[in-house]
C-alpha cells in the first residue's frame, strides 16, 4: 500500500491520497479494515483500489461501495482480441469522452477481474468491458455453452458482456473519492509506455480525478436581493409575495497547474430551488457574462412562509455542491395593498349604481312636490 498527502497553501484542507492493491496477502495490519477505510473516505481521504483475482481480507470492502465481485480466480477473458497474447489481456475500445476522461482514440489494454454495480447514486462506471468478453476460471472454451445459457437466463450471465465494469468511480458526499480498478497491470509501465495504446492518457485522467486534481468545485458565495435593488445593497431580511428576486452564486474550480481556485463558468445544468417543504419555484441557474457568476431572476410565489434558496448540484464525476439560504416571505403590509383591485370592479359598480339611484330618487321626490302633498294631508286631518 502506498499513501501520500498534499496540502495546497492556504486554500484547501489537508487531503490524503492512497493507493491500495488488494493482492493475495496472508494478513493485513489490524487497523487496515474495511470499516476504517470507509471512515477515512468520509474524512475526505481519496483512495484508489486495484482488485486482485484472489480472495483477500479486504475483498469484503467492495460491498461497502455497492460493488459485486465475481468468484475468486475468474479473470476477464476474450477470445476476440485484436492483439496476440494471452486471452486474459483484453483490448478495450477507447471510451467516449465524459466528465472524467478526455478524448482518446486509442484502445486500452486491461488485465484483471471485472465487477458489477448495484444501484447507487454515488457510484458510476468509467470503463466497461467489451461485449464479447466474459469472466471465467479457464481460458479454454469448455464452459462457453454454460456461460451463454446463463447469460440468456440472467443468472451467471452477470459476468459476461458489456454490463460488466472494469473501472468505477465513487464520489462520497463529504468530498472524498474512491476509484476501483479491476487490476493493477493497466497502470504498469509496459502498458503505459506503448504508444499504440491509450493506457497512459487513461491512467492520467482517472488518477487526476481520484486524487482531486480535476472536477473539484466549491461555492464561494451566494447572495440574493430584490431585482430592482442596487448590487451593493445588503441582503434583505424578508421578501413580499410576488416580489422579483435575484439570486447570485459564485462558483470556483480547483486548478492543479496554478495551485489556486479559478472561476468556473462551464456548468450549464445547475438547478435552483425555492422551497418550503416542497419546491415552489424550480428553475435553471445559468452562468452570466462574468466568469464564475451565476444569476437568476424569478418571481417569489404568492404564498407566505419561510423559504430556502437551495443549490444542490450532483453530477457524476464532479464534487457535489450544496448551499442553502433561509429567507421569509411575508404578505403585504396594510398599506401595501393596491387601492383598487381590478377583480372587484363588479362590486365597485354595484355600490356606485346603488348610490346614484338613491340620489336620483331623493332628487325627484324633493323636486316633484312630494313634501308639500304630505303637508296638506296633515292639515286636512286636523
Protein backbone atom coordinates (compact mmCIF):
# COMPACT_ATOMS: atom_id res chain seq x y z
CA UNK A 1 0.00 0.00 0.00
CA UNK A 2 1.20 3.48 -0.86
CA UNK A 3 -0.06 6.69 0.71
CA UNK A 4 0.80 10.34 0.31
CA UNK A 5 -0.57 13.68 1.41
CA UNK A 6 -0.75 17.16 -0.03
CA UNK A 7 -1.83 20.50 1.34
CA UNK A 8 -2.11 23.41 -1.10
CA UNK A 9 -1.19 26.67 0.52
CA UNK A 10 -3.96 28.38 2.45
CA UNK A 11 -6.73 27.32 0.10
CA UNK A 12 -7.64 23.75 0.92
CA UNK A 13 -7.72 21.49 3.92
CA UNK A 14 -5.28 18.58 4.08
CA UNK A 15 -6.25 15.87 1.63
CA UNK A 16 -4.63 12.43 1.71
CA UNK A 17 -4.38 10.16 -1.32
CA UNK A 18 -3.87 6.42 -1.03
CA UNK A 19 -3.16 3.58 -3.39
CA UNK A 20 -4.18 0.16 -2.10
CA UNK A 21 -3.55 -3.00 -4.03
CA UNK A 22 -5.73 -5.92 -2.94
CA UNK A 23 -3.16 -8.64 -3.50
CA UNK A 24 -3.06 -12.11 -2.01
CA UNK A 25 -1.53 -11.44 1.39
CA UNK A 26 -1.78 -13.68 4.41
CA UNK A 27 -2.69 -10.84 6.75
CA UNK A 28 -3.10 -7.08 6.90
CA UNK A 29 -2.49 -4.63 9.67
CA UNK A 30 -5.20 -4.61 12.31
CA UNK A 31 -6.14 -1.02 11.59
CA UNK A 32 -6.48 -1.73 7.85
CA UNK A 33 -10.07 -2.94 7.91
CA UNK A 34 -13.00 -2.18 5.62
CA UNK A 35 -14.67 -0.11 8.33
CA UNK A 36 -11.58 2.03 8.86
CA UNK A 37 -11.12 2.63 5.15
CA UNK A 38 -14.74 3.71 4.79
CA UNK A 39 -14.33 6.10 7.70
CA UNK A 40 -11.22 7.53 6.02
CA UNK A 41 -13.21 8.18 2.87
CA UNK A 42 -15.78 10.03 4.97
CA UNK A 43 -12.92 12.24 6.21
CA UNK A 44 -12.13 13.47 2.68
CA UNK A 45 -9.49 10.82 2.02
CA UNK A 46 -9.06 9.76 -1.60
CA UNK A 47 -8.37 6.07 -2.26
CA UNK A 48 -7.52 4.11 -5.38
CA UNK A 49 -8.19 0.36 -5.21
CA UNK A 50 -6.76 -2.25 -7.56
CA UNK A 51 -8.58 -5.56 -7.32
CA UNK A 52 -6.92 -8.96 -7.22
CA UNK A 53 -8.22 -12.24 -8.68
CA UNK A 54 -7.53 -13.88 -5.31
CA UNK A 55 -9.69 -13.71 -2.22
CA UNK A 56 -8.22 -11.24 0.28
CA UNK A 57 -9.28 -10.00 3.72
CA UNK A 58 -10.22 -6.69 2.11
CA UNK A 59 -12.41 -8.19 -0.62
CA UNK A 60 -15.47 -7.55 1.54
CA UNK A 61 -14.69 -3.85 1.29
CA UNK A 62 -16.16 -3.81 -2.22
CA UNK A 63 -19.63 -4.43 -0.84
CA UNK A 64 -19.37 -1.18 1.13
CA UNK A 65 -19.21 0.63 -2.22
CA UNK A 66 -22.13 -1.30 -3.80
CA UNK A 67 -19.78 -3.40 -5.94
CA UNK A 68 -20.32 -7.09 -6.72
CA UNK A 69 -17.17 -9.10 -7.35
CA UNK A 70 -17.01 -12.37 -9.31
CA UNK A 71 -15.93 -15.62 -7.68
CA UNK A 72 -12.19 -15.86 -6.91
CA UNK A 73 -9.79 -16.68 -9.75
CA UNK A 74 -12.20 -15.67 -12.51
CA UNK A 75 -10.38 -13.01 -14.57
CA UNK A 76 -11.78 -11.28 -17.61
CA UNK A 77 -11.28 -13.23 -20.85
CA UNK A 78 -11.81 -12.51 -24.52
CA UNK A 79 -11.14 -14.81 -27.48
CA UNK A 80 -11.66 -12.00 -29.98
CA UNK A 81 -8.83 -9.69 -29.01
CA UNK A 82 -7.06 -7.98 -31.91
CA UNK A 83 -3.70 -8.38 -30.20
CA UNK A 84 -1.75 -11.60 -29.95
CA UNK A 85 -1.15 -12.88 -26.47
CA UNK A 86 -2.93 -14.43 -23.52
CA UNK A 87 -6.71 -14.29 -23.50
CA UNK A 88 -6.53 -12.62 -20.09
CA UNK A 89 -5.14 -9.46 -21.71
CA UNK A 90 -8.20 -7.80 -23.20
CA UNK A 91 -8.19 -4.88 -25.56
CA UNK A 92 -10.94 -2.39 -24.74
CA UNK A 93 -12.14 0.15 -27.24
CA UNK A 94 -11.39 3.76 -26.43
CA UNK A 95 -14.15 5.08 -24.16
CA UNK A 96 -16.08 8.18 -25.11
CA UNK A 97 -15.05 11.45 -23.53
CA UNK A 98 -17.02 12.27 -20.38
CA UNK A 99 -16.66 14.27 -17.19
CA UNK A 100 -13.69 12.13 -16.07
CA UNK A 101 -11.99 11.05 -19.31
CA UNK A 102 -10.64 13.24 -22.05
CA UNK A 103 -10.89 12.38 -25.73
CA UNK A 104 -8.83 9.30 -26.50
CA UNK A 105 -8.89 7.40 -29.81
CA UNK A 106 -6.51 4.63 -28.77
CA UNK A 107 -7.60 1.31 -27.23
CA UNK A 108 -6.82 0.36 -23.65
CA UNK A 109 -5.28 -2.91 -22.51
CA UNK A 110 -6.80 -4.47 -19.41
CA UNK A 111 -5.84 -7.49 -17.36
CA UNK A 112 -7.72 -8.29 -14.19
CA UNK A 113 -11.19 -9.01 -12.85
CA UNK A 114 -14.45 -7.29 -13.71
CA UNK A 115 -17.15 -6.23 -11.30
CA UNK A 116 -20.83 -5.39 -11.34
CA UNK A 117 -22.53 -2.39 -9.77
CA UNK A 118 -25.59 -2.15 -7.57
CA UNK A 119 -27.88 0.87 -7.90
CA UNK A 120 -26.09 3.65 -6.04
CA UNK A 121 -26.21 7.36 -6.97
CA UNK A 122 -22.65 7.84 -5.67
CA UNK A 123 -21.19 5.09 -7.90
CA UNK A 124 -20.73 5.43 -11.65
CA UNK A 125 -18.90 3.38 -14.32
CA UNK A 126 -15.85 4.76 -16.09
CA UNK A 127 -14.74 1.83 -18.27
CA UNK A 128 -16.99 -1.03 -19.44
CA UNK A 129 -15.92 -4.48 -20.56
CA UNK A 130 -16.12 -5.39 -24.28
CA UNK A 131 -19.40 -7.04 -25.33
CA UNK A 132 -17.66 -10.30 -26.30
CA UNK A 133 -15.73 -10.69 -23.03
CA UNK A 134 -16.65 -12.82 -20.03
CA UNK A 135 -15.22 -13.87 -16.68
CA UNK A 136 -14.15 -17.48 -16.28
CA UNK A 137 -11.71 -19.61 -14.34
CA UNK A 138 -10.45 -21.32 -17.50
CA UNK A 139 -9.03 -19.93 -20.74
CA UNK A 140 -10.43 -22.70 -22.95
CA UNK A 141 -13.94 -22.81 -24.40
CA UNK A 142 -15.11 -25.82 -22.43
CA UNK A 143 -17.57 -23.77 -20.40
CA UNK A 144 -18.65 -21.38 -23.14
CA UNK A 145 -22.05 -23.03 -23.61
CA UNK A 146 -22.72 -22.71 -19.89
CA UNK A 147 -21.87 -19.02 -19.91
CA UNK A 148 -24.15 -18.36 -22.90
CA UNK A 149 -27.02 -20.28 -21.36
CA UNK A 150 -26.63 -18.48 -18.05
CA UNK A 151 -26.47 -15.13 -19.82
CA UNK A 152 -29.80 -15.84 -21.52
CA UNK A 153 -31.36 -16.72 -18.17
CA UNK A 154 -29.88 -13.69 -16.44
CA UNK A 155 -28.01 -15.73 -13.83
CA UNK A 156 -24.27 -16.09 -14.08
CA UNK A 157 -24.57 -14.06 -17.26
CA UNK A 158 -23.85 -11.17 -14.91
CA UNK A 159 -20.20 -11.94 -15.69
CA UNK A 160 -20.49 -11.74 -19.47
CA UNK A 161 -20.89 -8.84 -21.86
CA UNK A 162 -20.76 -5.09 -21.73
CA UNK A 163 -22.73 -4.82 -18.48
CA UNK A 164 -19.55 -5.66 -16.60
CA UNK A 165 -17.46 -2.76 -15.37
CA UNK A 166 -13.68 -2.63 -15.31
CA UNK A 167 -13.12 0.76 -13.65
CA UNK A 168 -15.66 2.56 -11.45
CA UNK A 169 -15.64 5.85 -9.57
CA UNK A 170 -17.23 6.64 -6.22
CA UNK A 171 -17.88 10.21 -5.07
CA UNK A 172 -18.60 10.40 -1.34
CA UNK A 173 -20.88 13.13 -0.04
CA UNK A 174 -18.24 14.66 2.30
CA UNK A 175 -15.92 15.09 -0.68
CA UNK A 176 -13.64 12.03 -0.68
CA UNK A 177 -13.23 9.96 -3.83
CA UNK A 178 -12.55 6.30 -4.50
CA UNK A 179 -11.55 4.56 -7.71
CA UNK A 180 -11.98 0.81 -8.23
CA UNK A 181 -9.82 -0.73 -10.96
CA UNK A 182 -10.09 -4.40 -11.88
CA UNK A 183 -6.34 -4.89 -11.99
CA UNK A 184 -3.02 -3.20 -11.39
CA UNK A 185 -1.40 -4.16 -14.70
CA UNK A 186 -3.20 -1.43 -16.61
CA UNK A 187 -1.10 1.00 -14.53
CA UNK A 188 2.16 -0.78 -15.37
CA UNK A 189 4.96 0.77 -17.41
CA UNK A 190 4.61 -1.97 -20.02
CA UNK A 191 1.09 -0.89 -20.93
CA UNK A 192 1.58 2.84 -20.41
CA UNK A 193 4.77 3.15 -22.48
CA UNK A 194 3.17 1.56 -25.54
CA UNK A 195 2.50 4.44 -27.94
CA UNK A 196 -0.22 2.45 -29.71
CA UNK A 197 -2.28 2.22 -26.53
CA UNK A 198 -4.30 4.78 -24.62
CA UNK A 199 -3.38 3.50 -21.16
CA UNK A 200 -1.14 6.46 -20.40
CA UNK A 201 -3.87 9.03 -21.07
CA UNK A 202 -6.50 6.91 -19.35
CA UNK A 203 -4.41 6.47 -16.20
CA UNK A 204 -3.59 10.17 -16.19
CA UNK A 205 -7.28 11.07 -16.33
CA UNK A 206 -8.53 8.64 -13.68
CA UNK A 207 -5.71 9.34 -11.22
CA UNK A 208 -6.19 13.09 -11.62
CA UNK A 209 -9.86 12.61 -10.84
CA UNK A 210 -9.49 10.33 -7.83
CA UNK A 211 -6.73 12.46 -6.31
CA UNK A 212 -8.93 15.57 -6.69
CA UNK A 213 -6.85 17.30 -9.32
CA UNK A 214 -9.81 17.81 -11.66
CA UNK A 215 -13.55 18.44 -11.39
CA UNK A 216 -13.25 19.83 -7.86
CA UNK A 217 -15.85 22.54 -7.33
CA UNK A 218 -16.88 24.77 -4.46
CA UNK A 219 -19.44 27.50 -3.82
CA UNK A 220 -17.58 30.63 -2.79
CA UNK A 221 -20.52 32.90 -2.11
CA UNK A 222 -24.26 33.14 -2.59
CA UNK A 223 -26.49 36.20 -2.26
CA UNK A 224 -29.99 37.39 -3.06
CA UNK A 225 -31.73 40.73 -3.37
CA UNK A 226 -34.66 42.47 -4.95
CA UNK A 227 -34.26 42.65 -8.70
CA UNK A 228 -34.75 46.42 -8.56
CA UNK A 229 -32.18 46.95 -5.79
CA UNK A 230 -28.57 48.00 -6.25
CA UNK A 231 -25.84 45.39 -6.39
CA UNK A 232 -24.21 46.85 -3.25
CA UNK A 233 -27.36 46.57 -1.14
CA UNK A 234 -27.34 44.25 1.87
CA UNK A 235 -29.31 41.03 1.98
CA UNK A 236 -32.97 41.76 2.71
CA UNK A 237 -34.50 40.32 5.87
CA UNK A 238 -37.65 39.26 4.04
CA UNK A 239 -39.49 39.39 0.77
CA UNK A 240 -43.09 40.17 -0.01
CA UNK A 241 -45.17 37.77 -2.06
CA UNK A 242 -44.81 38.28 -5.83
CA UNK A 243 -41.57 40.25 -5.44
CA UNK A 244 -38.99 39.89 -8.22
CA UNK A 245 -35.98 38.23 -6.59
CA UNK A 246 -32.45 37.97 -7.97
CA UNK A 247 -30.22 35.08 -6.79
CA UNK A 248 -26.46 35.07 -7.39
CA UNK A 249 -23.90 32.29 -6.83
CA UNK A 250 -20.14 32.40 -7.28
CA UNK A 251 -18.55 29.02 -8.10
CA UNK A 252 -14.87 28.15 -8.42
CA UNK A 253 -12.92 25.15 -9.70
CA UNK A 254 -9.56 23.92 -8.45
CA UNK A 255 -6.71 24.39 -10.94
CA UNK A 256 -3.89 21.94 -10.12
CA UNK A 257 -1.47 23.68 -12.51
CA UNK A 258 -1.81 27.10 -10.93
CA UNK A 259 -2.46 25.66 -7.47
CA UNK A 260 -5.38 28.02 -6.92
CA UNK A 261 -9.13 28.31 -7.29
CA UNK A 262 -10.30 29.72 -10.61
CA UNK A 263 -13.79 30.96 -11.59
CA UNK A 264 -15.85 28.21 -13.19
CA UNK A 265 -18.38 29.13 -15.88
CA UNK A 266 -18.66 25.77 -17.67
CA UNK A 267 -21.61 24.41 -15.70
CA UNK A 268 -24.77 24.80 -17.75
CA UNK A 269 -27.10 22.43 -15.88
CA UNK A 270 -27.23 23.91 -12.37
CA UNK A 271 -30.68 23.95 -10.81
CA UNK A 272 -32.04 26.39 -8.23
CA UNK A 273 -34.97 25.58 -5.94
CA UNK A 274 -37.00 28.00 -3.84
CA UNK A 275 -38.54 25.61 -1.35
CA UNK A 276 -40.86 25.49 1.62
CA UNK A 277 -41.05 21.74 2.35
CA UNK A 278 -41.64 21.31 -1.40
CA UNK A 279 -40.13 23.34 -4.23
CA UNK A 280 -42.43 26.24 -5.12
CA UNK A 281 -40.01 27.53 -7.75
CA UNK A 282 -37.59 25.29 -9.66
CA UNK A 283 -35.55 26.92 -12.36
CA UNK A 284 -32.18 26.77 -14.12
CA UNK A 285 -29.27 28.81 -12.79
CA UNK A 286 -27.37 29.91 -15.93
CA UNK A 287 -23.88 31.44 -15.99
CA UNK A 288 -23.62 35.17 -16.56
CA UNK A 289 -21.14 37.16 -18.61
CA UNK A 290 -18.89 37.49 -15.54
CA UNK A 291 -16.65 34.41 -15.05
CA UNK A 292 -17.78 32.21 -12.17
CA UNK A 293 -21.01 34.15 -11.56
CA UNK A 294 -24.41 32.51 -11.97
CA UNK A 295 -27.52 34.71 -11.78
CA UNK A 296 -31.25 34.00 -11.94
CA UNK A 297 -34.22 36.36 -11.50
CA UNK A 298 -37.65 34.92 -10.64
CA UNK A 299 -40.90 35.94 -9.01
CA UNK A 300 -41.50 34.93 -5.40
CA UNK A 301 -44.54 32.65 -5.02
CA UNK A 302 -47.91 34.06 -3.97
CA UNK A 303 -47.66 32.32 -0.62
CA UNK A 304 -46.12 33.49 2.63
CA UNK A 305 -43.89 31.36 4.86
CA UNK A 306 -40.23 30.51 5.50
CA UNK A 307 -38.49 29.60 2.23
CA UNK A 308 -34.99 28.43 1.32
CA UNK A 309 -32.79 29.08 -1.68
CA UNK A 310 -31.36 25.61 -2.37
CA UNK A 311 -28.45 24.98 -4.77
CA UNK A 312 -27.92 21.22 -4.94
CA UNK A 313 -25.62 20.12 -7.77
CA UNK A 314 -24.82 16.41 -8.03
CA UNK A 315 -23.30 15.17 -11.26
CA UNK A 316 -21.19 12.12 -11.99
CA UNK A 317 -17.51 12.99 -11.97
CA UNK A 318 -17.88 16.32 -10.17
CA UNK A 319 -17.66 17.12 -6.49
CA UNK A 320 -21.07 17.84 -5.04
CA UNK A 321 -22.25 21.39 -4.44
CA UNK A 322 -24.81 22.28 -1.80
CA UNK A 323 -25.81 25.65 -0.44
CA UNK A 324 -28.98 26.80 1.32
CA UNK A 325 -30.13 30.26 2.43
CA UNK A 326 -33.27 30.81 4.51
CA UNK A 327 -35.49 33.83 3.99
CA UNK A 328 -39.12 34.56 4.99
CA UNK A 329 -41.76 35.62 2.50
CA UNK A 330 -44.44 37.79 4.12
CA UNK A 331 -47.82 39.11 2.91
CA UNK A 332 -48.10 42.81 2.03
CA UNK A 333 -48.45 45.38 4.81
CA UNK A 334 -51.76 47.09 5.44
CA UNK A 335 -50.61 49.97 3.26
CA UNK A 336 -49.01 47.73 0.72
CA UNK A 337 -52.16 46.52 -0.96
CA UNK A 338 -53.37 48.37 -4.10
CA UNK A 339 -56.03 50.99 -3.60
CA UNK A 340 -58.34 49.43 -6.16
CA UNK A 341 -58.47 45.81 -7.23
CA UNK A 342 -59.32 45.05 -10.83
CA UNK A 343 -61.15 41.90 -9.80
CA UNK A 344 -63.50 43.94 -7.58
CA UNK A 345 -64.88 46.21 -10.28
CA UNK A 346 -68.30 44.47 -10.28
CA UNK A 347 -68.65 45.30 -6.58
CA UNK A 348 -67.48 48.86 -7.18
CA UNK A 349 -70.04 49.26 -9.98
CA UNK A 350 -72.85 47.87 -7.80
CA UNK A 351 -72.08 50.24 -4.94
CA UNK A 352 -71.84 53.28 -7.22
CA UNK A 353 -75.06 52.41 -9.08
CA UNK A 354 -76.93 51.97 -5.79
CA UNK A 355 -75.67 55.32 -4.53
CA UNK A 356 -76.51 57.06 -7.81
CA UNK A 357 -80.01 55.56 -7.82
CA UNK A 358 -80.65 56.69 -4.25
CA UNK A 359 -79.53 60.26 -5.02
CA UNK A 360 -81.65 60.35 -8.17
CA UNK A 361 -84.75 59.13 -6.31
CA UNK A 362 -84.33 61.67 -3.50
CA UNK A 363 -83.84 64.46 -6.02
CA UNK A 364 -87.03 63.57 -7.88
CA UNK A 365 -89.02 63.25 -4.67
CA UNK A 366 -87.95 66.64 -3.40
CA UNK A 367 -88.32 68.41 -6.75
CA UNK A 368 -91.72 66.87 -7.56
CA UNK A 369 -93.64 68.39 -4.58
CA UNK A 370 -93.89 65.25 -2.63
CA UNK A 371 -93.14 67.12 0.59
CA UNK A 372 -95.95 69.69 0.01
CA UNK A 373 -98.57 66.98 -0.56
CA UNK A 374 -97.61 65.34 2.66
CA UNK A 375 -98.05 68.70 4.46
CA UNK A 376 -101.55 69.24 3.02
CA UNK A 377 -102.72 65.80 4.04
CA UNK A 378 -101.64 66.63 7.58
CA UNK A 379 -103.79 69.85 7.67
CA UNK A 380 -106.95 68.11 6.36
CA UNK A 381 -106.64 65.52 9.04
CA UNK A 382 -106.71 68.27 11.67
